[in-house]
Amino acid sequence: MDGVMVIFIIGTSFGVLLTSKVERIEGSITLLLGIAHRILAQVSSWHTHAFALLVSGVLSYS
């Protein structure tokens, strides 16, 4: 279930990247990462958290 949520967040964020105007991308990513952080705050498995941190790092870098 946790993996499904992470995959959903990743897919949504890529969808936002592909469909949003450039000036809206940063705000959308910030919103999605905030949602992801709330979900991960309830997840106890460290590898899911580490994976999400990696994804958020990649998204913020690009």
N, C-alpha and C. Protein backbone atom coordinates (compact mmCIF):
# COMPACT_ATOMS: atom_id res chain seq x y z
N MET A 1 0.82 -1.20 0.00
CA MET A 1 0.00 0.00 0.00
C MET A 1 0.86 1.26 0.00
N ASP A 2 1.93 1.27 0.82
CA ASP A 2 2.80 2.43 0.87
C ASP A 2 3.50 2.65 -0.47
N GLY A 3 3.95 1.57 -1.09
CA GLY A 3 4.59 1.68 -2.39
C GLY A 3 3.64 2.23 -3.44
N VAL A 4 2.38 1.85 -3.35
CA VAL A 4 1.38 2.35 -4.29
C VAL A 4 1.23 3.86 -4.15
N MET A 5 1.21 4.34 -2.91
CA MET A 5 1.09 5.78 -2.69
C MET A 5 2.29 6.53 -3.25
N VAL A 6 3.48 5.99 -3.02
CA VAL A 6 4.69 6.64 -3.53
C VAL A 6 4.66 6.69 -5.05
N ILE A 7 4.29 5.57 -5.68
CA ILE A 7 4.20 5.51 -7.14
C ILE A 7 3.16 6.51 -7.64
N PHE A 8 2.03 6.61 -6.95
CA PHE A 8 0.99 7.55 -7.33
C PHE A 8 1.52 8.98 -7.27
N ILE A 9 2.25 9.30 -6.21
CA ILE A 9 2.81 10.65 -6.06
C ILE A 9 3.81 10.94 -7.17
N ILE A 10 4.66 9.96 -7.48
CA ILE A 10 5.64 10.14 -8.54
C ILE A 10 4.94 10.36 -9.88
N GLY A 11 3.95 9.53 -10.17
CA GLY A 11 3.22 9.66 -11.42
C GLY A 11 2.51 11.00 -11.52
N THR A 12 1.91 11.44 -10.42
CA THR A 12 1.23 12.72 -10.41
C THR A 12 2.21 13.86 -10.64
N SER A 13 3.36 13.79 -10.00
CA SER A 13 4.34 14.86 -10.14
C SER A 13 4.88 14.92 -11.57
N PHE A 14 5.10 13.77 -12.20
CA PHE A 14 5.54 13.79 -13.59
C PHE A 14 4.44 14.32 -14.49
N GLY A 15 3.19 13.98 -14.18
CA GLY A 15 2.07 14.53 -14.95
C GLY A 15 2.01 16.04 -14.84
N VAL A 16 2.24 16.54 -13.63
CA VAL A 16 2.27 17.99 -13.43
C VAL A 16 3.40 18.62 -14.23
N LEU A 17 4.56 17.97 -14.21
CA LEU A 17 5.71 18.50 -14.95
C LEU A 17 5.41 18.57 -16.44
N LEU A 18 4.68 17.59 -16.96
CA LEU A 18 4.41 17.55 -18.38
C LEU A 18 3.30 18.50 -18.80
N THR A 19 2.34 18.76 -17.90
CA THR A 19 1.15 19.50 -18.32
C THR A 19 1.09 20.93 -17.81
N SER A 20 1.87 21.27 -16.79
CA SER A 20 1.80 22.61 -16.22
C SER A 20 2.61 23.60 -17.03
N LYS A 21 2.25 24.87 -16.88
CA LYS A 21 3.09 25.93 -17.43
C LYS A 21 4.32 26.04 -16.54
N VAL A 22 5.37 26.58 -17.09
CA VAL A 22 6.66 26.62 -16.39
C VAL A 22 6.54 27.33 -15.05
N GLU A 23 5.81 28.44 -14.99
CA GLU A 23 5.74 29.21 -13.75
C GLU A 23 4.94 28.50 -12.67
N ARG A 24 4.17 27.47 -13.02
CA ARG A 24 3.38 26.75 -12.04
C ARG A 24 4.05 25.47 -11.56
N ILE A 25 5.10 25.05 -12.23
CA ILE A 25 5.71 23.76 -11.92
C ILE A 25 6.27 23.74 -10.50
N GLU A 26 7.00 24.80 -10.13
CA GLU A 26 7.63 24.80 -8.80
C GLU A 26 6.60 24.74 -7.69
N GLY A 27 5.53 25.50 -7.81
CA GLY A 27 4.48 25.48 -6.80
C GLY A 27 3.80 24.12 -6.72
N SER A 28 3.58 23.50 -7.87
CA SER A 28 2.94 22.19 -7.90
C SER A 28 3.82 21.13 -7.25
N ILE A 29 5.12 21.17 -7.55
CA ILE A 29 6.04 20.21 -6.95
C ILE A 29 6.09 20.40 -5.44
N THR A 30 6.12 21.66 -5.02
CA THR A 30 6.15 21.94 -3.58
C THR A 30 4.91 21.37 -2.90
N LEU A 31 3.76 21.55 -3.52
CA LEU A 31 2.51 21.02 -2.97
C LEU A 31 2.55 19.50 -2.90
N LEU A 32 2.98 18.86 -3.98
CA LEU A 32 3.04 17.40 -4.02
C LEU A 32 4.03 16.86 -2.99
N LEU A 33 5.16 17.53 -2.84
CA LEU A 33 6.14 17.06 -1.86
C LEU A 33 5.61 17.23 -0.45
N GLY A 34 4.81 18.27 -0.22
CA GLY A 34 4.19 18.44 1.09
C GLY A 34 3.23 17.30 1.39
N ILE A 35 2.45 16.91 0.38
CA ILE A 35 1.52 15.78 0.55
C ILE A 35 2.32 14.49 0.78
N ALA A 36 3.38 14.31 0.01
CA ALA A 36 4.21 13.12 0.16
C ALA A 36 4.83 13.07 1.56
N HIS A 37 5.24 14.22 2.06
CA HIS A 37 5.86 14.26 3.39
C HIS A 37 4.85 13.87 4.46
N ARG A 38 3.61 14.31 4.31
CA ARG A 38 2.57 13.93 5.28
C ARG A 38 2.33 12.43 5.27
N ILE A 39 2.28 11.85 4.07
CA ILE A 39 2.06 10.41 3.98
C ILE A 39 3.24 9.66 4.59
N LEU A 40 4.45 10.11 4.25
CA LEU A 40 5.65 9.42 4.73
C LEU A 40 5.84 9.60 6.23
N ALA A 41 5.27 10.64 6.79
CA ALA A 41 5.36 10.81 8.24
C ALA A 41 4.65 9.67 8.97
N GLN A 42 3.70 9.04 8.28
CA GLN A 42 2.95 7.94 8.87
C GLN A 42 3.54 6.58 8.49
N VAL A 43 4.54 6.58 7.63
CA VAL A 43 5.15 5.33 7.17
C VAL A 43 6.38 5.03 8.02
N SER A 44 6.46 3.81 8.51
CA SER A 44 7.56 3.47 9.40
C SER A 44 8.75 2.85 8.69
N SER A 45 8.57 2.39 7.46
CA SER A 45 9.67 1.72 6.77
C SER A 45 10.67 2.75 6.25
N TRP A 46 11.92 2.57 6.60
CA TRP A 46 12.95 3.57 6.27
C TRP A 46 13.24 3.61 4.78
N HIS A 47 13.14 2.48 4.08
CA HIS A 47 13.50 2.47 2.67
C HIS A 47 12.49 3.25 1.83
N THR A 48 11.22 3.23 2.22
CA THR A 48 10.23 4.03 1.52
C THR A 48 10.53 5.50 1.70
N HIS A 49 10.91 5.88 2.91
CA HIS A 49 11.24 7.27 3.19
C HIS A 49 12.48 7.70 2.41
N ALA A 50 13.49 6.84 2.37
CA ALA A 50 14.71 7.16 1.65
C ALA A 50 14.43 7.30 0.15
N PHE A 51 13.59 6.42 -0.39
CA PHE A 51 13.24 6.49 -1.80
C PHE A 51 12.53 7.80 -2.12
N ALA A 52 11.61 8.20 -1.25
CA ALA A 52 10.88 9.45 -1.48
C ALA A 52 11.82 10.65 -1.38
N LEU A 53 12.78 10.60 -0.48
CA LEU A 53 13.76 11.68 -0.40
C LEU A 53 14.57 11.76 -1.68
N LEU A 54 14.92 10.61 -2.24
CA LEU A 54 15.65 10.59 -3.50
C LEU A 54 14.82 11.21 -4.61
N VAL A 55 13.56 10.83 -4.70
CA VAL A 55 12.66 11.36 -5.72
C VAL A 55 12.51 12.86 -5.57
N SER A 56 12.30 13.32 -4.33
CA SER A 56 12.12 14.75 -4.11
C SER A 56 13.40 15.52 -4.46
N GLY A 57 14.55 14.91 -4.19
CA GLY A 57 15.81 15.55 -4.56
C GLY A 57 15.95 15.67 -6.07
N VAL A 58 15.58 14.62 -6.78
CA VAL A 58 15.65 14.65 -8.25
C VAL A 58 14.69 15.69 -8.81
N LEU A 59 13.48 15.75 -8.28
CA LEU A 59 12.50 16.71 -8.78
C LEU A 59 12.92 18.14 -8.49
N SER A 60 13.48 18.39 -7.32
CA SER A 60 13.88 19.75 -6.98
C SER A 60 15.12 20.17 -7.77
N TYR A 61 15.93 19.20 -8.18
CA TYR A 61 17.14 19.51 -8.95
C TYR A 61 16.80 19.82 -10.40
N SER A 62 15.83 19.11 -10.96
CA SER A 62 15.50 19.28 -12.37
C SER A 62 14.71 20.54 -12.64
